[in-house]
Protein backbone atom coordinates (compact mmCIF):
# COMPACT_ATOMS: atom_id res chain seq x y z
CA MET A 1 2.65 -10.94 11.89
CA ALA A 2 0.95 -8.28 14.04
CA ASP A 3 -2.25 -8.89 15.98
CA PRO A 4 -5.10 -8.53 13.46
CA ASP A 5 -7.04 -6.42 15.95
CA GLU A 6 -4.40 -3.70 15.68
CA VAL A 7 -5.61 -2.73 12.19
CA ARG A 8 -9.04 -1.10 12.26
CA GLN A 9 -11.06 -0.85 9.05
CA GLU A 10 -14.26 0.73 7.84
CA SER A 11 -15.64 1.07 4.38
CA ASP A 12 -18.41 2.42 2.26
CA ARG A 13 -19.40 1.49 -1.24
CA PHE A 14 -16.32 2.82 -3.07
CA SER A 15 -13.69 3.38 -0.39
CA LEU A 16 -11.84 1.57 2.38
CA ARG A 17 -10.22 3.24 5.38
CA SER A 18 -7.69 1.48 7.59
CA SER A 19 -5.94 2.80 10.67
CA LEU A 20 -3.18 1.49 12.90
CA LEU A 21 -0.64 2.65 15.48
CA VAL A 22 2.97 1.81 14.74
CA PRO A 23 5.80 1.88 17.32
CA ALA A 24 8.00 4.38 15.50
CA SER A 25 8.41 8.03 14.65
CA ALA A 26 6.55 9.35 11.61
CA GLU A 27 9.86 9.50 9.77
CA ARG A 28 10.57 5.82 10.43
CA ALA A 29 6.97 4.77 9.69
CA TYR A 30 7.10 6.62 6.33
CA ALA A 31 10.53 5.16 5.51
CA VAL A 32 9.40 1.59 6.12
CA PHE A 33 6.16 2.06 4.18
CA THR A 34 7.89 3.56 1.15
CA GLY A 35 11.42 2.19 1.25
CA ALA A 36 10.99 -1.34 2.58
CA LEU A 37 8.01 -2.55 0.55
CA ALA A 38 9.83 -5.84 -0.14
CA ASP A 39 9.97 -6.52 3.61
CA TRP A 40 6.21 -6.39 4.20
CA TRP A 41 4.36 -6.75 0.89
CA VAL A 42 2.85 -10.20 0.38
CA ARG A 43 4.95 -11.75 -2.37
CA GLU A 44 2.00 -13.89 -3.47
CA TYR A 45 0.23 -10.63 -4.38
CA THR A 46 2.76 -10.00 -7.17
CA TRP A 47 2.65 -11.06 -10.82
CA SER A 48 6.08 -12.70 -10.51
CA GLY A 49 5.12 -14.76 -7.48
CA PRO A 50 7.14 -15.45 -4.36
CA GLU A 51 9.91 -17.43 -6.02
CA ALA A 52 10.61 -15.17 -9.00
CA LEU A 53 10.09 -11.67 -7.56
CA ALA A 54 13.36 -9.75 -7.85
CA ALA A 55 12.20 -6.38 -6.44
CA ILE A 56 9.14 -4.38 -5.47
CA GLY A 57 9.28 -0.74 -4.60
CA ILE A 58 8.28 2.88 -4.86
CA GLU A 59 10.34 5.50 -6.68
CA PRO A 60 10.66 8.22 -4.00
CA ARG A 61 9.25 11.30 -5.71
CA ALA A 62 6.06 12.74 -7.15
CA GLY A 63 5.66 11.11 -10.56
CA GLY A 64 7.64 8.06 -9.42
CA MET A 65 6.32 4.61 -10.12
CA LEU A 66 5.23 1.74 -7.86
CA TYR A 67 6.78 -1.23 -9.58
CA GLU A 68 7.59 -4.91 -9.55
CA ILE A 69 10.63 -6.46 -11.18
CA GLY A 70 10.46 -10.14 -11.92
CA PRO A 71 12.42 -12.73 -13.83
CA TYR A 72 14.39 -11.84 -16.97
CA GLY A 73 14.01 -8.10 -16.30
CA PHE A 74 10.22 -8.19 -16.41
CA ARG A 75 8.93 -4.89 -15.00
CA ASN A 76 5.36 -3.95 -14.21
CA ASP A 77 4.54 -0.41 -13.11
CA TRP A 78 1.33 -0.74 -11.10
CA GLY A 79 0.94 2.75 -9.70
CA ARG A 80 2.18 6.32 -9.84
CA VAL A 81 3.10 8.57 -6.94
CA LEU A 82 0.84 11.63 -6.95
CA THR A 83 2.04 13.16 -3.68
CA TRP A 84 5.39 12.55 -1.98
CA ASP A 85 5.50 14.52 1.27
CA PRO A 86 7.65 12.73 3.85
CA PRO A 87 7.01 12.11 6.64
CA ARG A 88 3.38 13.20 6.44
CA ARG A 89 1.63 12.06 3.29
CA LEU A 90 1.85 9.69 0.35
CA VAL A 91 -0.75 9.43 -2.43
CA PHE A 92 -0.53 7.02 -5.34
CA THR A 93 -2.69 5.54 -8.06
CA TRP A 94 -3.67 1.85 -7.85
CA GLN A 95 -3.44 0.74 -11.46
CA ILE A 96 -4.40 -2.86 -10.93
CA GLY A 97 -7.84 -3.93 -12.11
CA PRO A 98 -10.23 -6.30 -10.34
CA ASP A 99 -9.04 -9.04 -12.71
CA ARG A 100 -5.37 -8.31 -11.69
CA VAL A 101 -4.69 -6.87 -15.13
CA PRO A 102 -2.67 -3.63 -15.17
CA VAL A 103 -4.73 -0.49 -15.81
CA PRO A 104 -2.56 1.87 -17.88
CA ASP A 105 -5.11 4.73 -17.82
CA PRO A 106 -4.78 6.57 -14.45
CA ALA A 107 -8.30 7.96 -14.91
CA ARG A 108 -9.58 4.36 -14.52
CA ALA A 109 -7.41 3.64 -11.48
CA SER A 110 -8.33 3.89 -7.82
CA GLU A 111 -6.18 5.92 -5.44
CA VAL A 112 -4.46 5.29 -2.13
CA GLU A 113 -3.69 8.02 0.41
CA VAL A 114 -1.48 7.26 3.41
CA LEU A 115 -1.25 9.79 6.25
CA PHE A 116 1.32 9.58 9.04
CA HIS A 117 0.26 11.34 12.25
CA ALA A 118 3.08 11.67 14.75
CA GLY A 119 1.75 10.98 18.23
CA SER A 120 5.15 10.96 19.91
CA PRO A 121 8.73 10.14 18.89
CA GLU A 122 7.86 6.47 19.52
CA GLN A 123 4.37 6.19 18.03
CA THR A 124 2.64 7.18 14.82
CA ARG A 125 -0.93 6.66 13.65
CA VAL A 126 -1.05 5.56 10.03
CA ASP A 127 -4.28 6.09 8.13
CA VAL A 128 -4.67 4.44 4.74
CA GLU A 129 -7.60 5.28 2.49
CA HIS A 130 -8.07 3.33 -0.72
CA ARG A 131 -10.73 5.28 -2.62
CA TYR A 132 -12.43 5.73 -5.97
CA PHE A 133 -13.11 2.04 -6.49
CA ASP A 134 -15.95 3.18 -8.77
CA ARG A 135 -13.26 3.93 -11.38
CA HIS A 136 -12.83 0.14 -11.74
CA GLY A 137 -16.27 -0.23 -13.29
CA THR A 138 -18.94 -2.83 -12.55
CA ALA A 139 -16.68 -4.97 -10.36
CA ALA A 140 -15.91 -2.03 -8.04
CA GLU A 141 -17.78 -3.15 -4.94
CA GLY A 142 -16.51 -6.73 -5.09
CA TYR A 143 -13.00 -5.43 -5.64
CA ARG A 144 -13.27 -3.18 -2.59
CA GLU A 145 -14.46 -6.18 -0.55
CA ALA A 146 -11.55 -8.32 -1.73
CA LEU A 147 -9.03 -5.58 -1.03
CA THR A 148 -10.44 -5.11 2.46
CA ALA A 149 -8.90 -8.44 3.39
CA GLY A 150 -5.82 -7.71 1.27
CA TRP A 151 -5.08 -4.38 2.92
CA HIS A 152 -5.68 -5.88 6.35
CA GLU A 153 -3.01 -8.51 5.75
CA LEU A 154 -0.62 -6.02 4.20
CA LEU A 155 -0.96 -3.58 7.08
CA CYS A 156 -0.53 -6.30 9.71
CA ARG A 157 2.69 -7.24 7.96
CA TYR A 158 3.73 -3.58 7.72
CA LEU A 159 3.12 -3.12 11.47
CA ALA A 160 5.18 -6.22 12.28
CA THR A 161 8.00 -4.96 10.06
CA VAL A 162 8.02 -1.55 11.70
CA ALA A 163 8.03 -3.16 15.16
CA ARG A 164 10.81 -5.57 14.23
CA THR A 165 13.05 -2.92 12.60
CA SER A 166 12.44 -0.23 15.21
CA ALA A 167 13.47 -2.40 18.17
């Protein structure tokens, strides 16, 4: 995993912002974030669990789903792509409640925006904002606090995956 100090975070009551530099072009950084989710997502963060998870991914288009496929064809759509603009911007709903129950109503879901800022052909700054936690109701602040640690781990793993696959 990457050095934890490489992911910087700040938050306010209902949003979390994370930033990191990855050793890859914006195109490669975007491709790993969206197309290699199974390589860096923490399998323990899935409903299927590490042993039974068959696939996790993002359908590459506006309106596409963020999904998990588990045993016996179980599928859980846990987000929807709102903006698909490679290699610059990705926005999706986060339709997982504080109790880890799926939130089918997108109006009650938080939102994640990922921006890829090309610094050079070998380096990209990735900014991730998870916002609108207030849509999750009374548990919003605690959920944001819990996901602060969750996003930190995910982004350290993402950075390590980019570094490993770009070498």
